[in-house]
N, C-alpha and C. Protein backbone atom coordinates (compact mmCIF):
# COMPACT_ATOMS: atom_id res chain seq x y z
N MET A 1 21.58 69.40 -43.07
CA MET A 1 21.01 67.93 -43.69
C MET A 1 19.80 67.38 -43.37
N SER A 2 18.89 67.52 -44.17
CA SER A 2 17.71 67.02 -43.84
C SER A 2 17.70 65.47 -43.52
N GLU A 3 16.55 64.94 -42.69
CA GLU A 3 16.65 63.51 -42.53
C GLU A 3 15.73 63.03 -43.32
N SER A 4 15.62 61.51 -43.65
CA SER A 4 14.75 61.07 -44.84
C SER A 4 13.39 60.93 -44.13
N ILE A 5 12.30 60.98 -44.93
CA ILE A 5 11.00 60.36 -44.14
C ILE A 5 10.73 59.06 -44.69
N SER A 6 10.53 58.32 -43.24
CA SER A 6 9.94 57.10 -43.05
C SER A 6 8.43 56.89 -43.45
N THR A 7 8.40 55.79 -44.21
CA THR A 7 7.04 55.36 -43.91
C THR A 7 6.67 54.11 -43.29
N LYS A 8 5.32 54.30 -42.41
CA LYS A 8 4.87 53.18 -41.44
C LYS A 8 3.79 52.48 -42.56
N LEU A 9 3.78 51.36 -42.75
CA LEU A 9 2.53 50.69 -43.28
C LEU A 9 1.31 50.10 -42.47
N LEU A 10 0.39 50.65 -42.42
CA LEU A 10 -0.95 50.33 -41.82
C LEU A 10 -1.85 49.29 -42.61
N PHE A 11 -2.06 48.13 -41.97
CA PHE A 11 -2.96 47.32 -42.73
C PHE A 11 -4.19 47.26 -42.35
N ALA A 12 -5.25 47.49 -43.48
CA ALA A 12 -6.48 47.93 -43.17
C ALA A 12 -7.34 46.47 -42.52
N GLN A 13 -7.87 46.85 -41.94
CA GLN A 13 -9.02 45.56 -41.44
C GLN A 13 -10.29 45.91 -41.44
N TRP A 14 -11.18 44.86 -41.87
CA TRP A 14 -12.60 45.34 -42.30
C TRP A 14 -13.25 45.48 -41.04
N VAL A 15 -13.95 46.73 -41.04
CA VAL A 15 -14.67 47.66 -39.82
C VAL A 15 -15.61 46.48 -39.29
N THR A 16 -16.02 46.66 -38.18
CA THR A 16 -17.20 45.95 -37.48
C THR A 16 -17.44 46.88 -36.37
N ARG A 17 -18.43 46.52 -35.52
CA ARG A 17 -19.28 47.49 -34.41
C ARG A 17 -18.00 47.12 -33.33
N GLU A 18 -17.35 45.98 -33.25
CA GLU A 18 -16.59 45.74 -31.90
C GLU A 18 -15.30 46.44 -32.08
N ASN A 19 -14.64 46.13 -33.26
CA ASN A 19 -13.00 46.60 -33.86
C ASN A 19 -13.20 48.27 -33.81
N PHE A 20 -14.20 48.94 -34.04
CA PHE A 20 -14.18 50.09 -34.01
C PHE A 20 -14.86 51.12 -33.13
N ARG A 21 -15.24 50.35 -31.98
CA ARG A 21 -15.89 50.95 -30.58
C ARG A 21 -15.14 52.14 -29.96
N ARG A 22 -13.71 51.78 -30.33
CA ARG A 22 -12.68 52.77 -29.53
C ARG A 22 -12.70 54.17 -30.27
N TYR A 23 -13.24 54.20 -31.44
CA TYR A 23 -13.10 55.41 -32.16
C TYR A 23 -14.52 55.97 -32.52
N GLY A 24 -15.44 55.32 -32.38
CA GLY A 24 -16.83 55.65 -32.63
C GLY A 24 -17.83 54.39 -32.72
N GLN A 25 -18.81 54.62 -33.73
CA GLN A 25 -19.86 53.65 -34.17
C GLN A 25 -19.66 53.39 -35.77
N VAL A 26 -20.34 52.02 -35.92
CA VAL A 26 -20.34 51.54 -37.19
C VAL A 26 -21.95 51.45 -37.18
N ILE A 27 -22.32 52.13 -38.12
CA ILE A 27 -24.07 52.08 -38.48
C ILE A 27 -24.48 51.05 -39.41
N PHE A 28 -25.25 50.22 -39.29
CA PHE A 28 -25.74 49.36 -40.66
C PHE A 28 -27.29 49.73 -40.43
N ALA A 29 -27.88 49.20 -41.59
CA ALA A 29 -29.38 49.23 -42.09
C ALA A 29 -29.87 48.73 -40.86
N ALA A 30 -30.92 49.27 -40.40
CA ALA A 30 -31.78 48.51 -39.46
C ALA A 30 -33.38 48.72 -40.09
N VAL A 31 -34.19 47.83 -39.70
CA VAL A 31 -35.61 47.70 -40.21
C VAL A 31 -36.28 48.83 -39.75
N ASP A 32 -36.95 49.53 -40.75
CA ASP A 32 -37.86 50.71 -40.56
C ASP A 32 -38.85 50.54 -39.31
N GLY A 33 -39.08 51.58 -38.61
CA GLY A 33 -39.73 51.47 -37.49
C GLY A 33 -39.09 51.03 -35.88
N LYS A 34 -37.67 50.43 -36.20
CA LYS A 34 -37.03 49.95 -35.02
C LYS A 34 -36.84 51.19 -33.91
N SER A 35 -36.94 50.68 -32.92
CA SER A 35 -37.06 52.19 -31.70
C SER A 35 -35.44 52.44 -31.71
N PHE A 36 -35.25 53.55 -31.10
CA PHE A 36 -33.74 54.41 -31.00
C PHE A 36 -33.21 53.52 -30.01
N ASP A 37 -32.19 53.02 -30.28
CA ASP A 37 -31.21 52.20 -29.21
C ASP A 37 -29.50 52.40 -29.32
N ALA A 38 -28.82 51.67 -28.50
CA ALA A 38 -27.26 52.02 -28.68
C ALA A 38 -26.80 51.87 -30.18
N GLU A 39 -27.51 50.98 -31.04
CA GLU A 39 -26.59 50.89 -32.12
C GLU A 39 -27.13 52.05 -33.12
N ASP A 40 -27.94 52.98 -32.88
CA ASP A 40 -28.07 54.17 -33.64
C ASP A 40 -26.91 55.21 -33.65
N ALA A 41 -26.66 56.00 -34.17
CA ALA A 41 -25.72 56.74 -34.37
C ALA A 41 -25.55 57.91 -33.16
N GLN A 42 -24.92 57.95 -31.97
CA GLN A 42 -25.31 58.52 -30.95
C GLN A 42 -24.53 60.26 -31.20
N LEU A 43 -25.02 61.17 -31.34
CA LEU A 43 -24.72 62.25 -31.87
C LEU A 43 -24.42 63.40 -30.91
N ASN A 44 -23.35 64.30 -31.54
CA ASN A 44 -23.29 65.20 -30.66
C ASN A 44 -22.88 66.43 -31.63
N LEU A 45 -24.07 67.27 -31.81
CA LEU A 45 -24.07 68.51 -32.77
C LEU A 45 -24.49 69.51 -32.07
N GLN A 46 -24.60 69.89 -30.84
CA GLN A 46 -25.28 70.91 -30.02
C GLN A 46 -24.58 71.97 -30.04
N ASN A 47 -23.07 71.96 -30.43
CA ASN A 47 -22.18 72.93 -30.40
C ASN A 47 -22.19 73.93 -31.82
N GLY A 48 -23.30 74.17 -32.19
CA GLY A 48 -23.45 74.57 -33.67
C GLY A 48 -24.70 74.14 -34.59
N VAL A 49 -24.40 74.48 -35.83
CA VAL A 49 -25.42 74.33 -36.80
C VAL A 49 -25.07 73.06 -37.57
N PRO A 50 -25.78 71.99 -37.63
CA PRO A 50 -25.47 70.68 -38.27
C PRO A 50 -25.49 71.04 -39.85
N ARG A 51 -24.41 70.34 -40.50
CA ARG A 51 -24.53 70.43 -41.76
C ARG A 51 -24.23 68.90 -42.41
N PHE A 52 -25.12 68.77 -43.07
CA PHE A 52 -25.55 67.22 -43.87
C PHE A 52 -25.18 67.60 -45.17
N TYR A 53 -23.98 67.02 -46.09
CA TYR A 53 -23.68 67.20 -47.40
C TYR A 53 -23.29 66.07 -47.95
N ILE A 54 -23.02 66.34 -49.19
CA ILE A 54 -22.13 65.21 -50.05
C ILE A 54 -21.11 65.77 -50.69
N MET A 55 -19.79 65.27 -50.18
CA MET A 55 -18.56 65.83 -50.53
C MET A 55 -18.01 64.90 -51.86
N ARG A 56 -17.68 65.37 -52.80
CA ARG A 56 -16.68 64.52 -53.82
C ARG A 56 -15.21 64.49 -53.61
N LEU A 57 -14.88 63.55 -53.15
CA LEU A 57 -13.39 63.48 -53.13
C LEU A 57 -12.36 62.82 -54.45
N ARG A 58 -11.69 63.32 -54.73
CA ARG A 58 -10.61 62.42 -55.85
C ARG A 58 -9.68 61.96 -55.15
N GLU A 59 -9.14 60.92 -55.92
CA GLU A 59 -8.44 59.72 -55.46
C GLU A 59 -6.97 60.48 -55.23
N GLU A 60 -6.31 60.31 -54.21
CA GLU A 60 -5.43 60.96 -53.54
C GLU A 60 -4.06 59.98 -53.17
N GLY A 61 -4.39 58.69 -53.27
CA GLY A 61 -3.33 57.53 -53.01
C GLY A 61 -3.92 57.20 -51.67
N ARG A 62 -3.00 56.44 -51.00
CA ARG A 62 -3.30 56.06 -49.56
C ARG A 62 -2.23 56.38 -48.61
N LYS A 63 -1.57 57.35 -48.88
CA LYS A 63 -0.22 57.74 -47.74
C LYS A 63 -0.85 59.23 -47.32
N PHE A 64 -0.48 59.27 -45.87
CA PHE A 64 -0.89 60.61 -45.27
C PHE A 64 0.33 60.79 -44.41
N GLY A 65 0.47 62.17 -44.04
CA GLY A 65 1.43 62.75 -42.95
C GLY A 65 0.90 63.64 -41.96
N LYS A 66 -0.47 63.81 -42.15
CA LYS A 66 -1.28 64.77 -41.08
C LYS A 66 -2.41 63.82 -40.60
N ILE A 67 -3.00 64.07 -39.38
CA ILE A 67 -4.01 63.56 -38.99
C ILE A 67 -4.79 64.48 -38.11
N THR A 68 -6.24 64.28 -38.08
CA THR A 68 -6.87 65.44 -37.57
C THR A 68 -8.21 64.96 -36.61
N ARG A 69 -8.50 66.03 -35.96
CA ARG A 69 -9.73 65.63 -34.91
C ARG A 69 -10.65 66.80 -34.75
N HIS A 70 -11.93 66.62 -34.39
CA HIS A 70 -12.83 67.58 -34.18
C HIS A 70 -13.22 67.50 -32.62
N VAL A 71 -13.36 68.55 -31.95
CA VAL A 71 -13.42 68.44 -30.27
C VAL A 71 -14.72 68.97 -30.01
N GLN A 72 -15.60 69.56 -30.94
CA GLN A 72 -16.69 70.16 -30.44
C GLN A 72 -17.97 69.32 -30.90
N CYS A 73 -17.70 68.13 -31.80
CA CYS A 73 -18.70 67.58 -32.54
C CYS A 73 -18.48 65.83 -32.83
N THR A 74 -19.49 65.17 -33.25
CA THR A 74 -19.34 64.08 -33.73
C THR A 74 -19.26 64.18 -35.10
N GLN A 75 -18.83 63.10 -36.41
CA GLN A 75 -18.74 63.10 -37.21
C GLN A 75 -19.23 61.98 -37.93
N CYS A 76 -20.23 62.10 -39.03
CA CYS A 76 -20.35 60.65 -39.66
C CYS A 76 -20.16 60.90 -41.06
N LEU A 77 -19.46 59.86 -41.91
CA LEU A 77 -19.30 59.70 -43.06
C LEU A 77 -19.46 58.18 -43.72
N GLY A 78 -19.87 58.29 -45.00
CA GLY A 78 -20.44 57.17 -45.75
C GLY A 78 -20.44 57.40 -47.17
N SER A 79 -20.05 56.37 -47.82
CA SER A 79 -19.83 56.28 -49.25
C SER A 79 -21.16 56.25 -49.88
N LEU A 80 -21.49 57.02 -50.98
CA LEU A 80 -22.49 56.56 -51.89
C LEU A 80 -22.27 55.51 -52.95
N GLU A 81 -23.44 55.03 -53.40
CA GLU A 81 -23.11 54.08 -54.43
C GLU A 81 -22.47 52.46 -54.00
N GLY A 82 -22.27 52.65 -52.73
CA GLY A 82 -21.99 51.09 -52.18
C GLY A 82 -20.59 50.96 -52.30
N LYS A 83 -19.71 51.92 -52.45
CA LYS A 83 -18.30 51.95 -52.73
C LYS A 83 -17.68 51.76 -51.37
N ASP A 84 -16.69 50.69 -51.29
CA ASP A 84 -15.73 50.54 -50.06
C ASP A 84 -14.63 51.62 -50.07
N TRP A 85 -14.30 51.84 -48.99
CA TRP A 85 -13.29 53.04 -48.68
C TRP A 85 -12.42 52.58 -47.44
N LEU A 86 -11.44 53.48 -47.19
CA LEU A 86 -10.67 53.25 -46.31
C LEU A 86 -10.42 54.64 -45.24
N MET A 87 -10.27 54.43 -44.08
CA MET A 87 -9.97 55.46 -42.94
C MET A 87 -8.93 54.95 -42.22
N ALA A 88 -8.17 56.00 -41.78
CA ALA A 88 -6.89 55.76 -40.54
C ALA A 88 -7.56 56.58 -39.48
N VAL A 89 -7.53 55.87 -38.08
CA VAL A 89 -7.97 56.57 -36.64
C VAL A 89 -7.02 56.42 -35.53
N ALA A 90 -7.24 57.09 -34.76
CA ALA A 90 -6.57 57.06 -33.57
C ALA A 90 -7.70 57.44 -32.37
N PRO A 91 -7.45 56.72 -31.14
CA PRO A 91 -8.54 57.15 -30.31
C PRO A 91 -8.46 58.61 -29.81
N PRO A 92 -9.78 58.93 -29.13
CA PRO A 92 -9.74 60.45 -28.94
C PRO A 92 -8.62 60.51 -27.21
N GLY A 93 -8.60 61.55 -27.03
CA GLY A 93 -7.68 61.51 -25.68
C GLY A 93 -7.39 62.94 -25.45
N ASP A 94 -6.63 63.38 -24.13
CA ASP A 94 -6.43 64.57 -23.69
C ASP A 94 -5.11 65.31 -24.46
N SER A 95 -4.32 64.41 -25.17
CA SER A 95 -3.31 65.16 -25.48
C SER A 95 -3.49 65.71 -27.05
N ASP A 96 -2.58 66.57 -27.25
CA ASP A 96 -2.52 67.40 -28.31
C ASP A 96 -1.95 66.50 -29.55
N LYS A 97 -1.36 65.26 -29.40
CA LYS A 97 -1.18 64.44 -30.53
C LYS A 97 -1.24 62.94 -30.29
N PRO A 98 -1.77 62.11 -31.29
CA PRO A 98 -1.87 60.78 -30.99
C PRO A 98 -0.62 60.13 -30.79
N SER A 99 -0.93 58.88 -30.12
CA SER A 99 0.40 57.99 -30.11
C SER A 99 0.41 57.22 -31.59
N LEU A 100 1.87 57.19 -32.04
CA LEU A 100 2.24 56.24 -33.27
C LEU A 100 1.48 54.76 -33.19
N ASP A 101 1.79 54.51 -31.85
CA ASP A 101 1.41 52.99 -31.79
C ASP A 101 -0.42 52.64 -31.99
N ASP A 102 -1.07 54.07 -31.69
CA ASP A 102 -2.56 53.94 -31.67
C ASP A 102 -3.21 54.03 -33.15
N VAL A 103 -2.40 54.40 -33.93
CA VAL A 103 -2.77 54.82 -35.31
C VAL A 103 -3.20 53.46 -35.97
N VAL A 104 -4.58 53.20 -36.63
CA VAL A 104 -4.94 51.98 -37.30
C VAL A 104 -5.73 52.47 -38.77
N ALA A 105 -6.02 51.47 -39.25
CA ALA A 105 -6.85 51.62 -40.54
C ALA A 105 -7.64 50.53 -40.83
N PHE A 106 -8.97 50.95 -41.21
CA PHE A 106 -10.07 50.17 -41.67
C PHE A 106 -10.61 50.40 -42.89
N ARG A 107 -11.18 49.26 -43.35
CA ARG A 107 -11.77 49.24 -44.41
C ARG A 107 -13.22 49.15 -44.67
N ILE A 108 -14.05 50.16 -45.02
CA ILE A 108 -15.33 50.46 -44.27
C ILE A 108 -16.04 49.67 -45.96
N PRO A 109 -17.00 49.13 -45.75
CA PRO A 109 -17.89 48.56 -46.90
C PRO A 109 -19.03 49.89 -47.11
N GLY A 110 -19.43 49.81 -48.40
CA GLY A 110 -20.37 50.80 -48.96
C GLY A 110 -21.85 50.84 -48.54
N ASN A 111 -22.13 49.71 -47.29
CA ASN A 111 -23.29 49.42 -46.93
C ASN A 111 -23.49 49.96 -45.60
N CYS A 112 -22.58 50.92 -44.97
CA CYS A 112 -22.65 51.55 -43.85
C CYS A 112 -21.86 52.73 -43.50
N PHE A 113 -21.93 53.39 -42.81
CA PHE A 113 -21.48 54.67 -42.33
C PHE A 113 -20.68 54.34 -40.95
N ILE A 114 -19.65 55.34 -40.85
CA ILE A 114 -19.09 55.30 -39.49
C ILE A 114 -19.61 56.92 -38.98
N LYS A 115 -19.58 56.73 -37.66
CA LYS A 115 -19.51 57.95 -36.62
C LYS A 115 -18.64 58.19 -35.91
N LEU A 116 -17.42 59.04 -35.88
CA LEU A 116 -16.24 59.29 -35.28
C LEU A 116 -16.88 59.78 -33.85
N ASP A 117 -16.44 59.40 -32.86
CA ASP A 117 -16.53 60.22 -31.49
C ASP A 117 -16.09 61.48 -31.46
N VAL A 118 -16.19 62.27 -30.61
CA VAL A 118 -15.66 63.70 -30.39
C VAL A 118 -14.41 63.37 -30.16
N GLY A 119 -13.50 64.05 -30.96
CA GLY A 119 -11.85 64.00 -30.45
C GLY A 119 -11.26 62.78 -31.16
N THR A 120 -11.91 61.85 -31.80
CA THR A 120 -11.22 60.86 -32.76
C THR A 120 -10.47 61.46 -33.84
N TRP A 121 -8.98 60.97 -33.34
CA TRP A 121 -8.02 61.55 -34.53
C TRP A 121 -8.44 60.61 -35.92
N HIS A 122 -8.55 61.13 -37.38
CA HIS A 122 -8.78 60.66 -38.42
C HIS A 122 -7.96 61.08 -39.75
N ALA A 123 -7.84 60.22 -40.61
CA ALA A 123 -7.24 60.79 -41.79
C ALA A 123 -7.87 60.07 -42.75
N GLY A 124 -8.47 60.65 -43.94
CA GLY A 124 -9.28 59.87 -45.17
C GLY A 124 -10.44 60.58 -45.22
N PRO A 125 -11.28 60.08 -46.27
CA PRO A 125 -11.32 58.79 -46.58
C PRO A 125 -10.27 58.43 -47.87
N TYR A 126 -9.86 57.34 -47.98
CA TYR A 126 -9.08 56.96 -49.24
C TYR A 126 -9.62 56.09 -49.67
N PHE A 127 -9.33 55.82 -50.81
CA PHE A 127 -10.03 54.68 -51.89
C PHE A 127 -9.23 54.91 -53.16
N ASP A 128 -9.48 53.80 -53.97
CA ASP A 128 -8.68 53.24 -55.39
C ASP A 128 -9.56 53.99 -56.80
N ALA A 129 -10.81 54.32 -56.52
CA ALA A 129 -11.72 54.96 -57.54
C ALA A 129 -11.24 56.35 -57.88
N ASP A 130 -11.48 56.84 -59.41
CA ASP A 130 -10.88 58.20 -59.41
C ASP A 130 -11.66 59.14 -58.48
N PHE A 131 -13.07 58.87 -57.95
CA PHE A 131 -13.52 59.59 -57.16
C PHE A 131 -14.72 58.67 -56.53
N VAL A 132 -15.01 59.44 -55.13
CA VAL A 132 -16.06 58.89 -54.45
C VAL A 132 -16.72 59.94 -53.82
N ASP A 133 -18.37 60.05 -53.76
CA ASP A 133 -19.11 60.83 -53.21
C ASP A 133 -19.31 60.52 -51.88
N PHE A 134 -19.02 61.17 -50.73
CA PHE A 134 -19.61 60.92 -49.57
C PHE A 134 -20.48 61.65 -48.82
N TYR A 135 -21.00 61.10 -48.00
CA TYR A 135 -22.26 61.80 -47.27
C TYR A 135 -21.32 62.22 -45.87
N ASN A 136 -21.62 63.50 -45.49
CA ASN A 136 -20.66 64.31 -44.29
C ASN A 136 -21.54 64.68 -43.60
N LEU A 137 -21.82 64.36 -42.09
CA LEU A 137 -22.50 65.11 -41.15
C LEU A 137 -21.49 65.76 -40.15
N GLU A 138 -21.65 66.98 -40.04
CA GLU A 138 -20.74 67.41 -39.11
C GLU A 138 -21.58 68.95 -38.74
N LEU A 139 -20.58 69.84 -38.38
CA LEU A 139 -21.24 71.19 -37.72
C LEU A 139 -20.50 72.08 -39.26
N SER A 140 -21.59 73.21 -39.30
CA SER A 140 -21.39 74.04 -40.64
C SER A 140 -20.24 74.66 -40.50
N ASP A 141 -19.50 74.86 -39.39
CA ASP A 141 -18.20 75.45 -39.12
C ASP A 141 -16.97 74.41 -38.68
N THR A 142 -17.29 73.56 -38.69
CA THR A 142 -16.12 72.56 -38.16
C THR A 142 -14.92 72.60 -38.85
N ASN A 143 -15.09 72.69 -40.09
CA ASN A 143 -13.51 72.73 -40.72
C ASN A 143 -12.99 74.25 -40.76
N VAL A 144 -13.54 75.18 -39.95
CA VAL A 144 -13.11 76.38 -39.74
C VAL A 144 -12.75 76.62 -38.25
N VAL A 145 -13.19 76.23 -37.37
CA VAL A 145 -13.16 76.69 -35.99
C VAL A 145 -12.74 75.36 -34.86
N ASP A 146 -12.91 74.10 -35.71
CA ASP A 146 -13.01 72.90 -34.82
C ASP A 146 -12.49 71.79 -35.81
N HIS A 147 -10.78 72.28 -36.08
CA HIS A 147 -9.98 71.39 -37.11
C HIS A 147 -8.69 71.56 -36.58
N PHE A 148 -8.17 70.57 -35.80
CA PHE A 148 -6.90 70.21 -35.12
C PHE A 148 -5.90 69.22 -35.80
N THR A 149 -4.93 69.56 -36.19
CA THR A 149 -4.20 68.74 -37.16
C THR A 149 -2.81 68.56 -36.56
N PHE A 150 -2.41 67.15 -36.37
CA PHE A 150 -1.07 66.98 -36.12
C PHE A 150 -0.30 66.44 -37.36
N ASP A 151 0.84 67.02 -37.30
CA ASP A 151 1.90 66.59 -38.61
C ASP A 151 2.76 65.77 -38.07
N PHE A 152 2.72 64.21 -38.65
CA PHE A 152 3.57 63.28 -38.42
C PHE A 152 4.99 63.49 -39.06
N VAL A 153 4.90 64.35 -40.21
CA VAL A 153 6.30 64.76 -41.04
C VAL A 153 6.90 65.60 -40.26
N LYS A 154 6.44 66.78 -39.91
CA LYS A 154 7.09 67.61 -39.06
C LYS A 154 7.51 67.06 -37.75
N HIS A 155 7.01 66.45 -37.02
CA HIS A 155 7.38 65.84 -35.62
C HIS A 155 8.14 64.63 -35.60
N HIS A 156 8.07 63.62 -36.80
CA HIS A 156 8.70 62.41 -36.56
C HIS A 156 9.04 62.31 -38.05
N ASN A 157 9.27 62.96 -38.74
CA ASN A 157 9.97 62.41 -40.26
C ASN A 157 8.94 60.99 -40.61
N LEU A 158 7.78 61.06 -40.55
CA LEU A 158 6.90 59.88 -40.94
C LEU A 158 5.69 60.16 -41.63
N VAL A 159 5.36 59.26 -42.73
CA VAL A 159 4.14 59.30 -43.25
C VAL A 159 3.66 57.75 -43.04
N PHE A 160 2.42 57.75 -43.25
CA PHE A 160 1.72 56.31 -43.04
C PHE A 160 1.02 56.01 -44.52
N GLU A 161 1.20 54.58 -44.48
CA GLU A 161 0.60 54.18 -46.11
C GLU A 161 -0.38 53.15 -45.74
N ILE A 162 -1.73 53.35 -46.17
CA ILE A 162 -2.57 52.19 -45.83
C ILE A 162 -2.63 50.96 -46.84
N VAL A 163 -2.31 50.05 -46.22
CA VAL A 163 -2.14 48.50 -47.32
C VAL A 163 -3.53 47.51 -47.13
């Protein structure tokens, strides 16, 4: 007899530099000519060839049962056309699984991007439109050699839903 799968609701909070600091950075527009400082994306892309591309994602709801991390690079994501979107994250750490209590969700406005720190667990992007184009900066082989996933369904009979 199989166990039923439970759903845990995650209430998305608007992202700010302060509330996202545990997971990475939020980058907003700056005046041209501003000197490089701590508010600029602090990138780690030295372990391979950087890849900057536009990925088109289709709407798939707001539920997820798996969460992923990359331990060799940072990753930057932002929507095109000013569209708001959602992302679930958990902080990086030494464990091969995130704590259930550490998974949180953010609503990200279309006028900024996020930089995920090395090892930050993430699920998404999620959104309500039919599709959204995102720019993505990672390594060229990130999704082949640096893609570690934890399955909440398999280990906890649990899915998350962002509301």
